[in-house]
Protein backbone atom coordinates (compact mmCIF):
# COMPACT_ATOMS: atom_id res chain seq x y z
CA MET A 1 -3.52 11.39 0.07
CA LYS A 2 -7.17 11.52 0.85
CA ARG A 3 -9.04 9.27 -2.38
CA ARG A 4 -10.19 12.92 -4.15
CA GLU A 5 -6.77 14.14 -3.72
CA PHE A 6 -5.28 13.38 -6.99
CA SER A 7 -3.19 16.35 -8.24
CA VAL A 8 -0.10 17.71 -5.92
CA SER A 9 1.75 20.66 -6.60
CA ALA A 10 6.28 20.31 -6.01
CA ALA A 11 5.49 21.95 -2.90
CA SER A 12 2.43 20.01 -1.54
CA VAL A 13 4.94 16.82 -2.28
CA LEU A 14 7.78 18.08 -0.31
CA ALA A 15 5.39 19.05 2.88
CA ALA A 16 3.53 15.24 2.62
CA SER A 17 7.00 13.80 2.90
CA THR A 18 7.90 15.54 5.68
CA VAL A 19 4.62 15.38 7.11
CA THR A 20 5.03 11.43 6.78
CA LEU A 21 8.10 10.50 7.78
CA ALA A 22 7.74 12.91 10.81
CA THR A 23 9.20 12.30 14.30
CA VAL A 24 6.94 11.04 16.38
CA PRO A 25 5.87 13.06 19.42
CA ALA A 26 6.63 11.31 23.06
CA HIS A 27 3.33 12.05 24.28
CA ALA A 28 2.11 9.78 21.27
CA GLN A 29 3.89 6.81 22.59
CA ASN A 30 1.04 5.55 24.33
CA LYS A 31 -0.98 3.44 23.66
CA PRO A 32 -3.17 3.87 20.61
CA GLN A 33 -7.03 5.16 20.96
CA ALA A 34 -9.57 3.17 19.42
CA GLY A 35 -12.43 5.22 17.04
CA LYS A 36 -9.57 8.22 16.95
CA GLU A 37 -5.78 6.55 15.77
CA TYR A 38 -7.50 3.33 13.64
CA ALA A 39 -10.62 2.07 13.24
CA VAL A 40 -11.80 -1.10 14.31
CA LEU A 41 -14.17 -2.52 11.62
CA ASP A 42 -18.12 -3.42 12.15
CA THR A 43 -17.53 -6.61 9.70
CA ARG A 44 -14.17 -8.30 9.18
CA ALA A 45 -12.64 -8.09 6.23
CA PRO A 46 -10.98 -10.95 4.59
CA VAL A 47 -7.80 -12.57 5.34
CA ASP A 48 -5.76 -15.00 2.79
CA THR A 49 -3.19 -15.82 5.74
CA PRO A 50 -3.27 -18.96 8.01
CA ALA A 51 -4.62 -18.60 11.17
CA ASP A 52 -1.19 -18.80 12.91
CA LYS A 53 0.03 -15.59 11.45
CA VAL A 54 -1.24 -11.92 11.14
CA GLU A 55 -2.04 -10.30 8.42
CA VAL A 56 -0.86 -6.74 7.61
CA ILE A 57 -2.20 -4.99 4.26
CA GLU A 58 -0.66 -1.71 3.35
CA PHE A 59 -3.10 0.22 0.69
CA PHE A 60 -0.79 1.99 -2.16
CA TRP A 61 -1.43 3.93 -4.87
CA TYR A 62 1.99 4.45 -7.30
CA SER A 63 1.14 7.83 -8.49
CA CYS A 64 0.47 9.03 -4.87
CA PRO A 65 3.85 11.03 -3.48
CA HIS A 66 2.62 10.54 0.16
CA CYS A 67 3.11 6.59 -0.60
CA ASN A 68 6.42 7.15 -2.40
CA ALA A 69 8.16 8.91 0.56
CA PHE A 70 6.32 5.94 3.15
CA GLU A 71 7.95 2.71 1.29
CA PRO A 72 11.50 3.52 2.66
CA ALA A 73 10.12 3.64 6.23
CA LEU A 74 7.70 0.47 5.34
CA ASN A 75 10.29 -1.87 3.70
CA ASN A 76 12.42 -1.23 7.02
CA TRP A 77 9.33 -1.84 9.37
CA ILE A 78 8.61 -5.39 7.34
CA LYS A 79 12.23 -6.11 8.00
CA ALA A 80 11.97 -6.15 11.68
CA GLN A 81 9.03 -8.78 12.04
CA PRO A 82 8.60 -11.81 13.26
CA LYS A 83 7.89 -14.97 10.81
CA ASP A 84 4.32 -15.18 11.95
CA VAL A 85 3.24 -11.30 10.28
CA VAL A 86 2.56 -11.86 6.46
CA VAL A 87 2.65 -8.42 5.00
CA LYS A 88 0.82 -7.95 1.79
CA ARG A 89 1.25 -4.65 -0.76
CA VAL A 90 -2.46 -3.90 -2.04
CA PRO A 91 -2.95 -1.20 -5.15
CA VAL A 92 -6.32 0.69 -4.34
CA ALA A 93 -8.51 2.06 -7.02
CA PHE A 94 -10.10 5.11 -6.35
CA GLN A 95 -11.38 5.70 -10.19
CA ASP A 96 -11.50 3.62 -13.23
CA SER A 97 -7.85 5.69 -14.02
CA PHE A 98 -5.82 3.99 -11.57
CA ILE A 99 -6.55 0.31 -12.64
CA PRO A 100 -3.31 0.26 -14.93
CA GLN A 101 -1.26 0.97 -12.24
CA GLN A 102 -2.82 -2.15 -10.45
CA LYS A 103 -2.39 -4.24 -12.90
CA LEU A 104 0.83 -3.33 -13.53
CA PHE A 105 2.12 -4.08 -9.96
CA TYR A 106 -0.08 -7.63 -10.04
CA ALA A 107 1.53 -8.42 -13.45
CA LEU A 108 5.15 -7.57 -11.62
CA GLU A 109 3.73 -10.12 -9.09
CA ALA A 110 2.84 -13.01 -11.41
CA LEU A 111 6.63 -12.62 -12.84
CA GLY A 112 8.40 -12.50 -9.62
CA LYS A 113 9.14 -9.51 -10.07
CA VAL A 114 7.94 -7.00 -7.37
CA GLU A 115 11.43 -6.91 -5.20
CA ALA A 116 13.32 -5.72 -8.29
CA LEU A 117 10.97 -3.90 -9.47
CA HIS A 118 8.81 -2.43 -7.28
CA ASP A 119 10.52 0.76 -6.10
CA LYS A 120 11.58 1.33 -9.23
CA VAL A 121 8.24 2.09 -10.52
CA PHE A 122 8.13 4.89 -7.78
CA TYR A 123 11.41 6.26 -8.57
CA ALA A 124 9.98 6.26 -12.90
CA ILE A 125 6.78 7.99 -11.64
CA HIS A 126 8.08 10.24 -8.82
CA VAL A 127 11.76 10.97 -9.73
CA GLU A 128 12.00 10.57 -13.43
CA LYS A 129 8.53 12.15 -13.94
CA GLN A 130 7.24 9.49 -15.88
CA ALA A 131 2.98 8.92 -16.78
CA LEU A 132 3.11 5.23 -16.46
CA ASN A 133 -0.87 6.00 -16.33
CA THR A 134 -2.17 3.91 -19.23
CA ASP A 135 -1.50 0.46 -20.53
CA ALA A 136 1.00 1.20 -23.00
CA LYS A 137 2.95 3.76 -21.38
CA ILE A 138 3.31 0.66 -18.78
CA LEU A 139 4.15 -1.96 -21.54
CA GLU A 140 6.88 0.60 -22.87
CA TRP A 141 8.39 1.11 -19.01
CA ALA A 142 8.17 -2.84 -18.48
CA VAL A 143 10.05 -3.55 -21.74
CA LYS A 144 12.69 -1.12 -21.05
CA GLN A 145 13.46 -2.59 -17.47
CA GLY A 146 14.58 -6.24 -19.49
CA LEU A 147 11.22 -7.94 -19.29
CA ASP A 148 9.66 -9.81 -21.99
CA LYS A 149 7.02 -7.88 -23.98
CA ALA A 150 4.98 -11.50 -24.47
CA LYS A 151 5.28 -12.57 -21.27
CA PHE A 152 4.57 -9.22 -19.74
CA GLN A 153 1.56 -8.58 -22.08
CA GLU A 154 0.68 -12.21 -21.11
CA ALA A 155 0.21 -11.64 -17.39
CA TYR A 156 -1.23 -8.30 -17.60
CA ASN A 157 -4.00 -9.26 -19.60
CA SER A 158 -4.33 -12.59 -18.02
CA PHE A 159 -7.27 -12.89 -16.07
CA SER A 160 -4.92 -14.09 -12.78
CA VAL A 161 -4.17 -10.41 -12.84
CA ALA A 162 -8.27 -9.52 -13.08
CA GLY A 163 -9.21 -11.58 -10.46
CA LYS A 164 -6.67 -9.84 -7.96
CA VAL A 165 -7.66 -6.28 -9.16
CA LYS A 166 -11.16 -7.15 -8.40
CA ARG A 167 -10.01 -8.76 -5.21
CA ALA A 168 -8.10 -5.80 -4.39
CA THR A 169 -10.89 -3.74 -4.76
CA LEU A 170 -12.92 -5.86 -2.41
CA LEU A 171 -10.51 -5.33 0.10
CA GLN A 172 -10.05 -1.69 -0.26
CA ASP A 173 -13.95 -1.26 0.19
CA ALA A 174 -13.94 -4.03 3.04
CA TYR A 175 -11.30 -1.81 5.09
CA LYS A 176 -13.10 1.46 4.26
CA VAL A 177 -9.74 2.97 2.65
CA GLU A 178 -10.18 6.58 3.53
CA GLY A 179 -6.96 7.72 1.76
CA VAL A 180 -3.71 6.13 0.96
CA PRO A 181 -0.84 4.71 2.35
CA ALA A 182 -3.11 2.91 5.12
CA LEU A 183 -2.86 -0.38 6.72
CA GLY A 184 -4.73 -2.73 7.53
CA VAL A 185 -4.01 -5.36 10.56
CA ALA A 186 -6.08 -8.84 10.49
CA GLY A 187 -9.06 -8.10 8.78
CA ARG A 188 -9.90 -6.15 12.36
CA TYR A 189 -8.33 -2.76 11.90
CA TYR A 190 -7.50 0.10 9.74
CA THR A 191 -5.22 3.16 10.28
CA ASP A 192 -3.33 5.42 7.92
CA GLY A 193 -1.74 9.12 8.48
CA SER A 194 -4.11 11.30 8.86
CA ARG A 195 -5.95 9.51 11.40
CA SER A 196 -2.68 8.47 13.69
CA GLY A 197 -1.19 11.94 12.77
CA SER A 198 2.01 10.72 10.71
CA MET A 199 2.46 6.97 8.85
CA GLY A 200 5.54 6.93 11.32
CA ARG A 201 2.91 6.38 14.27
CA ALA A 202 0.46 4.31 11.89
CA LEU A 203 3.44 2.23 11.70
CA GLN A 204 3.71 1.98 16.00
CA ILE A 205 -0.35 1.66 15.98
CA THR A 206 0.02 -1.10 13.61
CA ASP A 207 2.76 -2.65 16.16
CA THR A 208 0.04 -2.63 19.14
CA LEU A 209 -2.56 -3.60 16.84
CA VAL A 210 -0.55 -6.53 15.66
CA ALA A 211 0.31 -7.92 19.06
CA ASP A 212 -3.36 -7.61 20.21
CA ALA A 213 -4.25 -9.83 17.03
CA ARG A 214 -1.68 -12.33 18.35
CA LYS A 215 -3.40 -12.49 21.65
CA ALA A 216 -6.70 -12.94 19.63
CA ARG A 217 -6.23 -15.61 17.54
């Protein structure tokens, strides 16, 4: 989903899902092309992982139908990665209205609930059609998931979460994120569905970029 495509019809959502998870054609199995299928950053983005690890970032937005469609494929890809690949999710904010969902993700992270509730956020928005886009609606949803209201509010409004939101924006800008879902590798490389042709192909490109980053360290 491009930076300013914030409303999508039901038909478009279905089409996006099909494109996102489309089968990769045979010709796309070739070595990815820098400048076309992925970008090499002019200035490296900051990384938080040790030198013996390769950091991969998924940039996402909970309300993005493309991100929702991509989630199962990404989860399967993550499970197949060796121990030296560290995958991090970074929620984007192309405008201020995205910030509550950024805070939601980092509050879940602070409470150790990402694994249990991350997919449920997508389900609530895209299947149950809940508008989790304000502080009040997010708090109501969190309590319904069994989270302690006071603890969630404390995490959601904490300086730690606010700092992570700022860090997310810094990374989004450093990688020059053009749309979501998107993938950043080792602070050096960037790809997304528009560049690669599909997010399935983007994951293949990421495999190549991880290998290149591993050789360069």
